[in-house]
């Protein structure tokens, strides 16, 4: 895991999650796609391939635009603008152009791992619920996966405390142990994961707005 050590890059990356909007947008995407999957299944159309393609497009190309749109109206007017962090998978490869670059320090960059450490694993875990019908496998698997998610992020820019991860583990176990048809589990798990992200982001947004009320313009003197 990376050591941010309270650097300006860490503060910028943490600031990106201060208002909960990245989690809210990603949670809405998962809930939307899970709902579409449930609707397709209810209609007798098991077309999850296009659904997953739609999910991938939104997550990889459109989520940042939606977050920036909301931050420009909710966050930046309250606490100021900070350049958004780079997605961990979008960093350009390092190149060695000169001998001097061998000893040059690595630039202090603001990087977020949220998409590839949280959103993508949640989506893949939802798909994996369609693998087997052997119910005894699911409780330890779900709990183990949530523990890995917790440990994976605990030193990064958006850590989750154990009591925040616990409801996800309990709800996930209840879902996979229910009598849902096998083909219905992935969209239901997507919806559940999205609802959890919405709850995490919604709580942060409420706390952020209370701590940072929008400043009122001073009235002009008569």
Protein backbone atom coordinates (compact mmCIF):
# COMPACT_ATOMS: atom_id res chain seq x y z
CA UNK A 1 0.00 0.00 0.00
CA UNK A 2 1.09 3.55 -0.68
CA UNK A 3 2.22 5.81 2.10
CA UNK A 4 0.66 9.22 1.63
CA UNK A 5 2.30 10.64 4.79
CA UNK A 6 0.12 13.76 4.91
CA UNK A 7 1.65 15.13 1.69
CA UNK A 8 -0.13 17.74 -0.45
CA UNK A 9 -1.01 14.91 -2.85
CA UNK A 10 -2.68 12.95 -0.06
CA UNK A 11 -4.62 15.97 1.11
CA UNK A 12 -5.85 16.60 -2.44
CA UNK A 13 -6.89 12.96 -2.86
CA UNK A 14 -8.68 12.94 0.51
CA UNK A 15 -10.40 16.22 -0.38
CA UNK A 16 -11.91 14.52 -3.45
CA UNK A 17 -13.91 12.23 -1.11
CA UNK A 18 -14.71 14.82 1.55
CA UNK A 19 -18.23 15.42 0.21
CA UNK A 20 -19.13 11.81 -0.62
CA UNK A 21 -20.00 12.67 -4.24
CA UNK A 22 -17.71 10.05 -5.88
CA UNK A 23 -19.44 7.32 -3.87
CA UNK A 24 -22.88 8.76 -4.57
CA UNK A 25 -22.32 8.85 -8.34
CA UNK A 26 -20.80 5.35 -8.45
CA UNK A 27 -23.57 4.05 -6.19
CA UNK A 28 -26.22 5.52 -8.47
CA UNK A 29 -24.61 3.85 -11.48
CA UNK A 30 -24.59 0.44 -9.77
CA UNK A 31 -28.18 0.83 -8.58
CA UNK A 32 -29.26 1.91 -12.07
CA UNK A 33 -27.55 -1.00 -13.77
CA UNK A 34 -28.78 -3.46 -11.15
CA UNK A 35 -32.30 -2.15 -11.58
CA UNK A 36 -32.06 -2.50 -15.36
CA UNK A 37 -30.89 -6.09 -14.89
CA UNK A 38 -33.78 -6.88 -12.54
CA UNK A 39 -36.24 -5.36 -15.01
CA UNK A 40 -34.80 -7.35 -17.89
CA UNK A 41 -34.95 -10.56 -15.88
CA UNK A 42 -38.54 -9.87 -14.84
CA UNK A 43 -39.41 -9.37 -18.51
CA UNK A 44 -37.78 -12.68 -19.44
CA UNK A 45 -34.80 -11.01 -21.13
CA UNK A 46 -31.49 -12.21 -19.75
CA UNK A 47 -29.50 -9.57 -21.59
CA UNK A 48 -26.83 -8.90 -19.01
CA UNK A 49 -24.04 -8.52 -21.60
CA UNK A 50 -25.21 -5.12 -22.90
CA UNK A 51 -25.99 -4.11 -19.33
CA UNK A 52 -22.43 -4.77 -18.20
CA UNK A 53 -21.08 -2.93 -21.22
CA UNK A 54 -23.23 0.05 -20.29
CA UNK A 55 -21.96 -0.15 -16.73
CA UNK A 56 -18.33 -0.22 -17.86
CA UNK A 57 -18.76 2.77 -20.13
CA UNK A 58 -20.35 4.84 -17.39
CA UNK A 59 -17.75 3.94 -14.81
CA UNK A 60 -14.73 4.45 -17.03
CA UNK A 61 -15.72 7.56 -18.98
CA UNK A 62 -18.74 9.34 -17.54
CA UNK A 63 -18.50 9.16 -13.77
CA UNK A 64 -15.81 11.85 -13.55
CA UNK A 65 -17.90 14.29 -15.62
CA UNK A 66 -20.92 13.79 -13.35
CA UNK A 67 -18.81 14.21 -10.20
CA UNK A 68 -17.20 17.39 -11.51
CA UNK A 69 -20.63 18.78 -12.43
CA UNK A 70 -21.93 18.22 -8.90
CA UNK A 71 -18.76 19.45 -7.19
CA UNK A 72 -18.86 22.70 -9.15
CA UNK A 73 -22.26 23.39 -7.58
CA UNK A 74 -21.92 21.86 -4.12
CA UNK A 75 -18.26 21.58 -3.11
CA UNK A 76 -16.10 24.21 -4.76
CA UNK A 77 -18.32 27.16 -3.74
CA UNK A 78 -17.92 26.04 -0.10
CA UNK A 79 -14.32 24.93 0.32
CA UNK A 80 -12.62 25.95 -2.92
CA UNK A 81 -11.31 24.19 -5.98
CA UNK A 82 -8.58 21.56 -5.87
CA UNK A 83 -7.39 19.76 -8.98
CA UNK A 84 -9.04 16.29 -9.10
CA UNK A 85 -6.79 13.29 -8.46
CA UNK A 86 -5.73 11.04 -11.31
CA UNK A 87 -7.29 7.57 -11.47
CA UNK A 88 -4.70 4.98 -10.48
CA UNK A 89 -5.15 3.06 -13.74
CA UNK A 90 -4.87 6.17 -15.90
CA UNK A 91 -1.38 7.26 -14.87
CA UNK A 92 1.02 7.51 -17.82
CA UNK A 93 3.90 5.00 -17.77
CA UNK A 94 7.18 6.29 -16.44
CA UNK A 95 9.94 6.79 -18.98
CA UNK A 96 13.66 7.31 -18.55
CA UNK A 97 14.76 10.02 -20.94
CA UNK A 98 18.09 11.11 -19.48
CA UNK A 99 20.65 9.91 -17.00
CA UNK A 100 19.56 12.68 -14.63
CA UNK A 101 16.05 11.24 -14.46
CA UNK A 102 17.44 8.11 -12.80
CA UNK A 103 18.14 10.02 -9.61
CA UNK A 104 15.26 12.48 -9.82
CA UNK A 105 12.60 12.05 -7.11
CA UNK A 106 9.21 10.74 -8.15
CA UNK A 107 6.66 13.54 -8.49
CA UNK A 108 4.19 13.89 -5.65
CA UNK A 109 0.96 13.09 -7.48
CA UNK A 110 -2.62 13.12 -6.31
CA UNK A 111 -3.98 9.68 -7.17
CA UNK A 112 -7.26 7.95 -6.35
CA UNK A 113 -7.64 4.18 -6.22
CA UNK A 114 -11.38 4.23 -5.57
CA UNK A 115 -12.49 3.05 -9.00
CA UNK A 116 -10.16 0.05 -9.20
CA UNK A 117 -10.01 -0.80 -5.49
CA UNK A 118 -13.71 -0.44 -4.67
CA UNK A 119 -16.13 0.06 -7.58
CA UNK A 120 -14.68 -2.52 -9.98
CA UNK A 121 -14.31 -5.21 -7.24
CA UNK A 122 -17.92 -4.60 -6.17
CA UNK A 123 -19.06 -5.10 -9.77
CA UNK A 124 -16.98 -8.25 -10.27
CA UNK A 125 -18.18 -9.69 -6.97
CA UNK A 126 -21.77 -9.16 -8.11
CA UNK A 127 -21.08 -11.14 -11.29
CA UNK A 128 -19.42 -13.92 -9.34
CA UNK A 129 -22.59 -14.65 -7.37
CA UNK A 130 -23.82 -16.54 -10.44
CA UNK A 131 -21.01 -19.09 -10.27
CA UNK A 132 -22.46 -21.82 -8.05
CA UNK A 133 -25.58 -22.81 -6.11
CA UNK A 134 -23.66 -24.35 -3.20
CA UNK A 135 -24.85 -22.07 -0.40
CA UNK A 136 -22.24 -23.14 2.16
CA UNK A 137 -19.55 -21.40 0.09
CA UNK A 138 -21.11 -17.95 0.21
CA UNK A 139 -20.98 -16.73 3.85
CA UNK A 140 -17.19 -17.17 4.29
CA UNK A 141 -16.58 -15.93 0.75
CA UNK A 142 -18.62 -12.75 1.19
CA UNK A 143 -17.13 -12.02 4.62
CA UNK A 144 -13.62 -12.69 3.35
CA UNK A 145 -14.13 -10.42 0.38
CA UNK A 146 -15.38 -7.55 2.57
CA UNK A 147 -12.36 -7.99 4.85
CA UNK A 148 -10.07 -7.78 1.82
CA UNK A 149 -11.89 -4.64 0.65
CA UNK A 150 -11.42 -3.11 4.10
CA UNK A 151 -7.72 -3.97 4.30
CA UNK A 152 -7.09 -2.94 0.70
CA UNK A 153 -8.32 0.60 1.28
CA UNK A 154 -7.51 1.29 4.92
CA UNK A 155 -4.30 3.25 4.16
CA UNK A 156 -5.54 4.90 0.99
CA UNK A 157 -7.46 8.10 0.33
CA UNK A 158 -10.90 6.60 1.12
CA UNK A 159 -10.60 4.09 3.97
CA UNK A 160 -13.65 2.29 5.32
CA UNK A 161 -13.98 1.61 9.01
CA UNK A 162 -14.97 -1.87 10.10
CA UNK A 163 -18.44 -0.80 11.26
CA UNK A 164 -19.02 0.71 7.81
CA UNK A 165 -18.00 -2.51 6.07
CA UNK A 166 -19.98 -4.76 8.43
CA UNK A 167 -23.44 -3.93 6.97
CA UNK A 168 -22.15 -4.81 3.49
CA UNK A 169 -20.98 -8.21 4.71
CA UNK A 170 -24.25 -8.96 6.53
CA UNK A 171 -26.44 -7.80 3.64
CA UNK A 172 -24.28 -9.73 1.15
CA UNK A 173 -24.61 -12.94 3.17
CA UNK A 174 -28.38 -12.47 3.42
CA UNK A 175 -28.60 -11.94 -0.33
CA UNK A 176 -26.61 -14.99 -1.39
CA UNK A 177 -28.36 -17.23 1.16
CA UNK A 178 -31.81 -16.15 0.02
CA UNK A 179 -33.93 -18.09 -2.44
CA UNK A 180 -33.27 -15.75 -5.34
CA UNK A 181 -32.89 -17.51 -8.70
CA UNK A 182 -29.30 -17.86 -9.80
CA UNK A 183 -29.60 -15.48 -12.75
CA UNK A 184 -31.14 -12.83 -10.51
CA UNK A 185 -28.24 -12.67 -8.09
CA UNK A 186 -25.85 -10.46 -10.14
CA UNK A 187 -28.25 -7.56 -10.71
CA UNK A 188 -29.51 -7.84 -7.12
CA UNK A 189 -25.92 -7.78 -5.83
CA UNK A 190 -25.16 -4.76 -8.04
CA UNK A 191 -28.15 -2.97 -6.55
CA UNK A 192 -27.07 -3.88 -3.01
CA UNK A 193 -23.50 -2.70 -3.60
CA UNK A 194 -24.75 0.54 -5.10
CA UNK A 195 -27.07 1.12 -2.15
CA UNK A 196 -24.14 0.63 0.23
CA UNK A 197 -22.03 3.18 -1.67
CA UNK A 198 -24.97 5.58 -1.68
CA UNK A 199 -25.28 5.22 2.09
CA UNK A 200 -21.55 5.84 2.58
CA UNK A 201 -21.51 8.86 0.28
CA UNK A 202 -24.83 10.24 1.51
CA UNK A 203 -23.63 10.25 5.11
CA UNK A 204 -20.48 12.12 4.13
CA UNK A 205 -22.44 14.62 2.04
CA UNK A 206 -24.81 15.45 4.90
CA UNK A 207 -21.88 15.88 7.30
CA UNK A 208 -19.99 18.00 4.77
CA UNK A 209 -22.90 20.36 4.12
CA UNK A 210 -23.45 20.82 7.87
CA UNK A 211 -19.78 21.60 8.47
CA UNK A 212 -19.40 23.86 5.44
CA UNK A 213 -22.56 25.89 4.85
CA UNK A 214 -22.56 27.98 1.71
CA UNK A 215 -21.44 31.51 2.53
CA UNK A 216 -24.01 34.21 1.92
CA UNK A 217 -23.03 37.24 -0.11
CA UNK A 218 -22.89 40.43 1.92
CA UNK A 219 -25.80 42.74 1.30
CA UNK A 220 -24.96 45.97 -0.45
CA UNK A 221 -24.94 49.08 1.68
CA UNK A 222 -27.74 51.57 1.03
